[in-house]
Amino acid sequence: MAMKRKKEKYQELFVHEASVTARQGKQVYIRKDYHIRILKIIQVIGKNEVSIASYMDNVLAHHFATFQGEITELYDERNKSVF
């Protein structure tokens, strides 16, 4: 039961169209093997109904939400005021 819930949670979090379109974002480069993996994920799990841009946006949104506190602390530690 727990494993099924984890799979459902993954799909809810990452395998759906994001609210931002790729044209509104910026181009980034990723490793070829990651690109191949992502394509397989969205083709099979997403049934070819999810774009790479949406998947990546969802992954990054989750990353930032999960690690916001740590990112903020590290940023503040290393960002010295100009004055």
PDB file of N, CA and C in Angstrom:
ATOM      1  N   MET A   1       0.826  -1.202   0.000  1.00  0.00           N
ATOM      2  CA  MET A   1       0.000   0.000   0.000  1.00  0.00           C
ATOM      3  C   MET A   1       0.865   1.258   0.000  1.00  0.00           C
ATOM      4  N   ALA A   2       1.907   1.271   0.846  1.00  0.00           N
ATOM      5  CA  ALA A   2       2.763   2.445   0.929  1.00  0.00           C
ATOM      6  C   ALA A   2       3.483   2.690  -0.395  1.00  0.00           C
ATOM      7  N   MET A   3       3.913   1.623  -1.065  1.00  0.00           N
ATOM      8  CA  MET A   3       4.615   1.759  -2.335  1.00  0.00           C
ATOM      9  C   MET A   3       3.687   2.346  -3.404  1.00  0.00           C
ATOM     10  N   LYS A   4       2.438   1.912  -3.416  1.00  0.00           N
ATOM     11  CA  LYS A   4       1.478   2.440  -4.381  1.00  0.00           C
ATOM     12  C   LYS A   4       1.282   3.934  -4.144  1.00  0.00           C
ATOM     13  N   ARG A   5       1.190   4.335  -2.892  1.00  0.00           N
ATOM     14  CA  ARG A   5       0.999   5.753  -2.566  1.00  0.00           C
ATOM     15  C   ARG A   5       2.200   6.576  -3.021  1.00  0.00           C
ATOM     16  N   LYS A   6       3.402   6.043  -2.865  1.00  0.00           N
ATOM     17  CA  LYS A   6       4.599   6.757  -3.303  1.00  0.00           C
ATOM     18  C   LYS A   6       4.573   6.970  -4.816  1.00  0.00           C
ATOM     19  N   LYS A   7       4.137   5.949  -5.545  1.00  0.00           N
ATOM     20  CA  LYS A   7       4.053   6.070  -7.004  1.00  0.00           C
ATOM     21  C   LYS A   7       3.011   7.116  -7.390  1.00  0.00           C
ATOM     22  N   GLU A   8       1.875   7.109  -6.721  1.00  0.00           N
ATOM     23  CA  GLU A   8       0.834   8.097  -6.999  1.00  0.00           C
ATOM     24  C   GLU A   8       1.336   9.499  -6.677  1.00  0.00           C
ATOM     25  N   LYS A   9       2.042   9.631  -5.567  1.00  0.00           N
ATOM     26  CA  LYS A   9       2.575  10.926  -5.148  1.00  0.00           C
ATOM     27  C   LYS A   9       3.566  11.455  -6.186  1.00  0.00           C
ATOM     28  N   TYR A  10       4.425  10.569  -6.685  1.00  0.00           N
ATOM     29  CA  TYR A  10       5.396  10.965  -7.704  1.00  0.00           C
ATOM     30  C   TYR A  10       4.678  11.522  -8.926  1.00  0.00           C
ATOM     31  N   GLN A  11       3.682  10.799  -9.367  1.00  0.00           N
ATOM     32  CA  GLN A  11       2.940  11.229 -10.544  1.00  0.00           C
ATOM     33  C   GLN A  11       2.237  12.562 -10.299  1.00  0.00           C
ATOM     34  N   GLU A  12       1.644  12.731  -9.130  1.00  0.00           N
ATOM     35  CA  GLU A  12       0.973  13.988  -8.786  1.00  0.00           C
ATOM     36  C   GLU A  12       1.949  15.160  -8.774  1.00  0.00           C
ATOM     37  N   LEU A  13       3.144  14.929  -8.232  1.00  0.00           N
ATOM     38  CA  LEU A  13       4.124  15.999  -8.098  1.00  0.00           C
ATOM     39  C   LEU A  13       4.769  16.386  -9.417  1.00  0.00           C
ATOM     40  N   PHE A  14       5.122  15.401 -10.236  1.00  0.00           N
ATOM     41  CA  PHE A  14       6.005  15.686 -11.358  1.00  0.00           C
ATOM     42  C   PHE A  14       5.434  15.456 -12.747  1.00  0.00           C
ATOM     43  N   VAL A  15       4.522  14.525 -12.910  1.00  0.00           N
ATOM     44  CA  VAL A  15       4.099  14.136 -14.259  1.00  0.00           C
ATOM     45  C   VAL A  15       2.752  14.760 -14.600  1.00  0.00           C
ATOM     46  N   HIS A  16       2.790  16.064 -14.806  1.00  0.00           N
ATOM     47  CA  HIS A  16       1.616  16.816 -15.242  1.00  0.00           C
ATOM     48  C   HIS A  16       2.085  18.115 -15.869  1.00  0.00           C
ATOM     49  N   GLU A  17       1.265  18.691 -16.688  1.00  0.00           N
ATOM     50  CA  GLU A  17       1.627  19.949 -17.336  1.00  0.00           C
ATOM     51  C   GLU A  17       1.744  21.063 -16.299  1.00  0.00           C
ATOM     52  N   ALA A  18       2.777  21.862 -16.435  1.00  0.00           N
ATOM     53  CA  ALA A  18       2.991  23.001 -15.538  1.00  0.00           C
ATOM     54  C   ALA A  18       2.213  24.205 -16.073  1.00  0.00           C
ATOM     55  N   SER A  19       2.042  25.190 -15.224  1.00  0.00           N
ATOM     56  CA  SER A  19       1.268  26.367 -15.624  1.00  0.00           C
ATOM     57  C   SER A  19       2.062  27.330 -16.503  1.00  0.00           C
ATOM     58  N   VAL A  20       3.362  27.149 -16.590  1.00  0.00           N
ATOM     59  CA  VAL A  20       4.194  28.023 -17.422  1.00  0.00           C
ATOM     60  C   VAL A  20       4.536  27.295 -18.719  1.00  0.00           C
ATOM     61  N   THR A  21       4.530  28.028 -19.810  1.00  0.00           N
ATOM     62  CA  THR A  21       4.881  27.413 -21.088  1.00  0.00           C
ATOM     63  C   THR A  21       6.377  27.553 -21.326  1.00  0.00           C
ATOM     64  N   ALA A  22       6.940  26.672 -22.117  1.00  0.00           N
ATOM     65  CA  ALA A  22       8.380  26.674 -22.380  1.00  0.00           C
ATOM     66  C   ALA A  22       8.833  27.995 -22.994  1.00  0.00           C
ATOM     67  N   ARG A  23       8.009  28.603 -23.805  1.00  0.00           N
ATOM     68  CA  ARG A  23       8.396  29.856 -24.452  1.00  0.00           C
ATOM     69  C   ARG A  23       8.589  30.989 -23.446  1.00  0.00           C
ATOM     70  N   GLN A  24       7.985  30.877 -22.278  1.00  0.00           N
ATOM     71  CA  GLN A  24       8.132  31.923 -21.272  1.00  0.00           C
ATOM     72  C   GLN A  24       9.399  31.737 -20.439  1.00  0.00           C
ATOM     73  N   GLY A  25      10.026  30.591 -20.545  1.00  0.00           N
ATOM     74  CA  GLY A  25      11.215  30.290 -19.760  1.00  0.00           C
ATOM     75  C   GLY A  25      12.486  30.528 -20.543  1.00  0.00           C
ATOM     76  N   LYS A  26      13.543  29.893 -20.101  1.00  0.00           N
ATOM     77  CA  LYS A  26      14.848  30.002 -20.738  1.00  0.00           C
ATOM     78  C   LYS A  26      15.337  28.611 -21.116  1.00  0.00           C
ATOM     79  N   GLN A  27      16.177  28.552 -22.125  1.00  0.00           N
ATOM     80  CA  GLN A  27      16.745  27.291 -22.565  1.00  0.00           C
ATOM     81  C   GLN A  27      17.877  26.893 -21.621  1.00  0.00           C
ATOM     82  N   VAL A  28      17.916  25.627 -21.264  1.00  0.00           N
ATOM     83  CA  VAL A  28      19.014  25.097 -20.460  1.00  0.00           C
ATOM     84  C   VAL A  28      19.474  23.783 -21.085  1.00  0.00           C
ATOM     85  N   TYR A  29      20.699  23.415 -20.798  1.00  0.00           N
ATOM     86  CA  TYR A  29      21.245  22.169 -21.302  1.00  0.00           C
ATOM     87  C   TYR A  29      21.342  21.170 -20.159  1.00  0.00           C
ATOM     88  N   ILE A  30      21.018  19.927 -20.460  1.00  0.00           N
ATOM     89  CA  ILE A  30      21.128  18.859 -19.473  1.00  0.00           C
ATOM     90  C   ILE A  30      21.914  17.714 -20.091  1.00  0.00           C
ATOM     91  N   ARG A  31      22.414  16.847 -19.227  1.00  0.00           N
ATOM     92  CA  ARG A  31      23.162  15.691 -19.704  1.00  0.00           C
ATOM     93  C   ARG A  31      22.307  14.855 -20.642  1.00  0.00           C
ATOM     94  N   LYS A  32      22.957  14.271 -21.640  1.00  0.00           N
ATOM     95  CA  LYS A  32      22.248  13.458 -22.616  1.00  0.00           C
ATOM     96  C   LYS A  32      21.512  12.298 -21.940  1.00  0.00           C
ATOM     97  N   ASP A  33      22.160  11.633 -20.970  1.00  0.00           N
ATOM     98  CA  ASP A  33      21.504  10.489 -20.316  1.00  0.00           C
ATOM     99  C   ASP A  33      20.301  10.929 -19.489  1.00  0.00           C
ATOM    100  N   TYR A  34      20.352  12.130 -18.902  1.00  0.00           N
ATOM    101  CA  TYR A  34      19.182  12.645 -18.180  1.00  0.00           C
ATOM    102  C   TYR A  34      18.050  12.941 -19.158  1.00  0.00           C
ATOM    103  N   HIS A  35      18.398  13.503 -20.304  1.00  0.00           N
ATOM    104  CA  HIS A  35      17.403  13.815 -21.312  1.00  0.00           C
ATOM    105  C   HIS A  35      16.681  12.544 -21.764  1.00  0.00           C
ATOM    106  N   ILE A  36      17.451  11.501 -21.996  1.00  0.00           N
ATOM    107  CA  ILE A  36      16.872  10.221 -22.413  1.00  0.00           C
ATOM    108  C   ILE A  36      15.952   9.671 -21.323  1.00  0.00           C
ATOM    109  N   ARG A  37      16.391   9.720 -20.071  1.00  0.00           N
ATOM    110  CA  ARG A  37      15.559   9.242 -18.955  1.00  0.00           C
ATOM    111  C   ARG A  37      14.259  10.029 -18.849  1.00  0.00           C
ATOM    112  N   ILE A  38      14.370  11.337 -18.929  1.00  0.00           N
ATOM    113  CA  ILE A  38      13.179  12.190 -18.815  1.00  0.00           C
ATOM    114  C   ILE A  38      12.209  11.895 -19.954  1.00  0.00           C
ATOM    115  N   LEU A  39      12.733  11.756 -21.160  1.00  0.00           N
ATOM    116  CA  LEU A  39      11.865  11.411 -22.282  1.00  0.00           C
ATOM    117  C   LEU A  39      11.109  10.108 -22.028  1.00  0.00           C
ATOM    118  N   LYS A  40      11.811   9.096 -21.534  1.00  0.00           N
ATOM    119  CA  LYS A  40      11.161   7.815 -21.241  1.00  0.00           C
ATOM    120  C   LYS A  40      10.076   7.986 -20.188  1.00  0.00           C
ATOM    121  N   ILE A  41      10.371   8.766 -19.142  1.00  0.00           N
ATOM    122  CA  ILE A  41       9.404   8.987 -18.061  1.00  0.00           C
ATOM    123  C   ILE A  41       8.143   9.653 -18.594  1.00  0.00           C
ATOM    124  N   ILE A  42       8.327  10.739 -19.360  1.00  0.00           N
ATOM    125  CA  ILE A  42       7.133  11.460 -19.811  1.00  0.00           C
ATOM    126  C   ILE A  42       6.393  10.707 -20.907  1.00  0.00           C
ATOM    127  N   GLN A  43       7.108   9.917 -21.702  1.00  0.00           N
ATOM    128  CA  GLN A  43       6.440   9.137 -22.745  1.00  0.00           C
ATOM    129  C   GLN A  43       5.621   7.998 -22.154  1.00  0.00           C
ATOM    130  N   VAL A  44       6.194   7.297 -21.172  1.00  0.00           N
ATOM    131  CA  VAL A  44       5.523   6.123 -20.616  1.00  0.00           C
ATOM    132  C   VAL A  44       4.570   6.515 -19.489  1.00  0.00           C
ATOM    133  N   ILE A  45       5.084   7.135 -18.454  1.00  0.00           N
ATOM    134  CA  ILE A  45       4.243   7.488 -17.301  1.00  0.00           C
ATOM    135  C   ILE A  45       3.277   8.609 -17.675  1.00  0.00           C
ATOM    136  N   GLY A  46       3.785   9.598 -18.415  1.00  0.00           N
ATOM    137  CA  GLY A  46       2.951  10.733 -18.802  1.00  0.00           C
ATOM    138  C   GLY A  46       2.150  10.506 -20.056  1.00  0.00           C
ATOM    139  N   LYS A  47       2.269   9.334 -20.644  1.00  0.00           N
ATOM    140  CA  LYS A  47       1.507   8.950 -21.844  1.00  0.00           C
ATOM    141  C   LYS A  47       1.639   9.986 -22.967  1.00  0.00           C
ATOM    142  N   ASN A  48       2.853  10.533 -23.101  1.00  0.00           N
ATOM    143  CA  ASN A  48       3.141  11.547 -24.124  1.00  0.00           C
ATOM    144  C   ASN A  48       2.264  12.791 -24.004  1.00  0.00           C
ATOM    145  N   GLU A  49       1.750  13.058 -22.816  1.00  0.00           N
ATOM    146  CA  GLU A  49       0.885  14.219 -22.603  1.00  0.00           C
ATOM    147  C   GLU A  49       1.562  15.304 -21.772  1.00  0.00           C
ATOM    148  N   VAL A  50       2.829  15.083 -21.426  1.00  0.00           N
ATOM    149  CA  VAL A  50       3.566  16.024 -20.582  1.00  0.00           C
ATOM    150  C   VAL A  50       4.833  16.431 -21.330  1.00  0.00           C
ATOM    151  N   SER A  51       5.123  17.709 -21.335  1.00  0.00           N
ATOM    152  CA  SER A  51       6.331  18.194 -22.002  1.00  0.00           C
ATOM    153  C   SER A  51       7.538  18.068 -21.076  1.00  0.00           C
ATOM    154  N   ILE A  52       8.710  18.065 -21.685  1.00  0.00           N
ATOM    155  CA  ILE A  52       9.942  18.068 -20.888  1.00  0.00           C
ATOM    156  C   ILE A  52       9.991  19.323 -20.023  1.00  0.00           C
ATOM    157  N   ALA A  53       9.595  20.453 -20.595  1.00  0.00           N
ATOM    158  CA  ALA A  53       9.614  21.714 -19.846  1.00  0.00           C
ATOM    159  C   ALA A  53       8.718  21.632 -18.608  1.00  0.00           C
ATOM    160  N   SER A  54       7.550  21.025 -18.742  1.00  0.00           N
ATOM    161  CA  SER A  54       6.652  20.888 -17.588  1.00  0.00           C
ATOM    162  C   SER A  54       7.248  19.968 -16.531  1.00  0.00           C
ATOM    163  N   TYR A  55       7.787  18.848 -16.963  1.00  0.00           N
ATOM    164  CA  TYR A  55       8.395  17.916 -16.013  1.00  0.00           C
ATOM    165  C   TYR A  55       9.524  18.610 -15.249  1.00  0.00           C
ATOM    166  N   MET A  56      10.402  19.297 -15.963  1.00  0.00           N
ATOM    167  CA  MET A  56      11.517  19.981 -15.313  1.00  0.00           C
ATOM    168  C   MET A  56      11.027  21.096 -14.382  1.00  0.00           C
ATOM    169  N   ASP A  57      10.000  21.817 -14.793  1.00  0.00           N
ATOM    170  CA  ASP A  57       9.441  22.864 -13.944  1.00  0.00           C
ATOM    171  C   ASP A  57       8.891  22.260 -12.651  1.00  0.00           C
ATOM    172  N   ASN A  58       8.215  21.129 -12.758  1.00  0.00           N
ATOM    173  CA  ASN A  58       7.662  20.460 -11.577  1.00  0.00           C
ATOM    174  C   ASN A  58       8.760  19.950 -10.650  1.00  0.00           C
ATOM    175  N   VAL A  59       9.815  19.378 -11.233  1.00  0.00           N
ATOM    176  CA  VAL A  59      10.939  18.888 -10.426  1.00  0.00           C
ATOM    177  C   VAL A  59      11.609  20.045  -9.694  1.00  0.00           C
ATOM    178  N   LEU A  60      11.836  21.137 -10.394  1.00  0.00           N
ATOM    179  CA  LEU A  60      12.483  22.291  -9.765  1.00  0.00           C
ATOM    180  C   LEU A  60      11.591  22.951  -8.712  1.00  0.00           C
ATOM    181  N   ALA A  61      10.307  23.041  -8.971  1.00  0.00           N
ATOM    182  CA  ALA A  61       9.388  23.608  -7.978  1.00  0.00           C
ATOM    183  C   ALA A  61       9.430  22.789  -6.691  1.00  0.00           C
ATOM    184  N   HIS A  62       9.444  21.470  -6.824  1.00  0.00           N
ATOM    185  CA  HIS A  62       9.519  20.595  -5.654  1.00  0.00           C
ATOM    186  C   HIS A  62      10.857  20.776  -4.934  1.00  0.00           C
ATOM    187  N   HIS A  63      11.932  20.833  -5.687  1.00  0.00           N
ATOM    188  CA  HIS A  63      13.269  21.027  -5.108  1.00  0.00           C
ATOM    189  C   HIS A  63      13.326  22.323  -4.302  1.00  0.00           C
ATOM    190  N   PHE A  64      12.856  23.419  -4.896  1.00  0.00           N
ATOM    191  CA  PHE A  64      12.898  24.701  -4.197  1.00  0.00           C
ATOM    192  C   PHE A  64      11.995  24.708  -2.966  1.00  0.00           C
ATOM    193  N   ALA A  65      10.829  24.097  -3.048  1.00  0.00           N
ATOM    194  CA  ALA A  65       9.928  24.029  -1.894  1.00  0.00           C
ATOM    195  C   ALA A  65      10.536  23.181  -0.781  1.00  0.00           C
ATOM    196  N   THR A  66      11.168  22.084  -1.163  1.00  0.00           N
ATOM    197  CA  THR A  66      11.751  21.163  -0.182  1.00  0.00           C
ATOM    198  C   THR A  66      12.969  21.773   0.502  1.00  0.00           C
ATOM    199  N   PHE A  67      13.797  22.473  -0.255  1.00  0.00           N
ATOM    200  CA  PHE A  67      15.075  22.960   0.276  1.00  0.00           C
ATOM    201  C   PHE A  67      15.139  24.478   0.422  1.00  0.00           C
ATOM    202  N   GLN A  68      13.994  25.135   0.458  1.00  0.00           N
ATOM    203  CA  GLN A  68      13.972  26.595   0.545  1.00  0.00           C
ATOM    204  C   GLN A  68      14.763  27.111   1.748  1.00  0.00           C
ATOM    205  N   GLY A  69      14.562  26.511   2.897  1.00  0.00           N
ATOM    206  CA  GLY A  69      15.257  26.962   4.102  1.00  0.00           C
ATOM    207  C   GLY A  69      16.760  26.840   3.981  1.00  0.00           C
ATOM    208  N   GLU A  70      17.227  25.690   3.512  1.00  0.00           N
ATOM    209  CA  GLU A  70      18.658  25.453   3.355  1.00  0.00           C
ATOM    210  C   GLU A  70      19.265  26.382   2.307  1.00  0.00           C
ATOM    211  N   ILE A  71      18.558  26.572   1.201  1.00  0.00           N
ATOM    212  CA  ILE A  71      19.047  27.453   0.140  1.00  0.00           C
ATOM    213  C   ILE A  71      19.149  28.883   0.662  1.00  0.00           C
ATOM    214  N   THR A  72      18.127  29.323   1.380  1.00  0.00           N
ATOM    215  CA  THR A  72      18.128  30.683   1.929  1.00  0.00           C
ATOM    216  C   THR A  72      19.280  30.882   2.902  1.00  0.00           C
ATOM    217  N   GLU A  73      19.492  29.927   3.801  1.00  0.00           N
ATOM    218  CA  GLU A  73      20.592  30.032   4.764  1.00  0.00           C
ATOM    219  C   GLU A  73      21.942  30.096   4.066  1.00  0.00           C
ATOM    220  N   LEU A  74      22.173  29.197   3.125  1.00  0.00           N
ATOM    221  CA  LEU A  74      23.449  29.188   2.401  1.00  0.00           C
ATOM    222  C   LEU A  74      23.639  30.473   1.607  1.00  0.00           C
ATOM    223  N   TYR A  75      22.596  30.944   0.976  1.00  0.00           N
ATOM    224  CA  TYR A  75      22.665  32.174   0.203  1.00  0.00           C
ATOM    225  C   TYR A  75      23.010  33.355   1.112  1.00  0.00           C
ATOM    226  N   ASP A  76      22.306  33.455   2.235  1.00  0.00           N
ATOM    227  CA  ASP A  76      22.542  34.566   3.162  1.00  0.00           C
ATOM    228  C   ASP A  76      23.947  34.519   3.762  1.00  0.00           C
ATOM    229  N   GLU A  77      24.461  33.318   4.026  1.00  0.00           N
ATOM    230  CA  GLU A  77      25.818  33.172   4.561  1.00  0.00           C
ATOM    231  C   GLU A  77      26.873  33.668   3.577  1.00  0.00           C
ATOM    232  N   ARG A  78      26.622  33.450   2.306  1.00  0.00           N
ATOM    233  CA  ARG A  78      27.633  33.755   1.288  1.00  0.00           C
ATOM    234  C   ARG A  78      27.414  35.094   0.584  1.00  0.00           C
ATOM    235  N   ASN A  79      26.289  35.716   0.797  1.00  0.00           N
ATOM    236  CA  ASN A  79      25.966  36.973   0.143  1.00  0.00           C
ATOM    237  C   ASN A  79      26.258  38.113   1.108  1.00  0.00           C
ATOM    238  N   LYS A  80      27.416  38.691   0.952  1.00  0.00           N
ATOM    239  CA  LYS A  80      27.830  39.784   1.823  1.00  0.00           C
ATOM    240  C   LYS A  80      27.261  41.092   1.293  1.00  0.00           C
ATOM    241  N   SER A  81      26.793  41.899   2.209  1.00  0.00           N
ATOM    242  CA  SER A  81      26.248  43.202   1.829  1.00  0.00           C
ATOM    243  C   SER A  81      27.335  44.059   1.212  1.00  0.00           C
ATOM    244  N   VAL A  82      26.960  44.822   0.238  1.00  0.00           N
ATOM    245  CA  VAL A  82      27.901  45.719  -0.431  1.00  0.00           C
ATOM    246  C   VAL A  82      28.221  46.923   0.464  1.00  0.00           C
ATOM    247  N   PHE A  83      27.403  47.182   1.470  1.00  0.00           N
ATOM    248  CA  PHE A  83      27.645  48.323   2.375  1.00  0.00           C
ATOM    249  C   PHE A  83      28.007  47.862   3.753  1.00  0.00           C
TER     250      PHE A  83
END
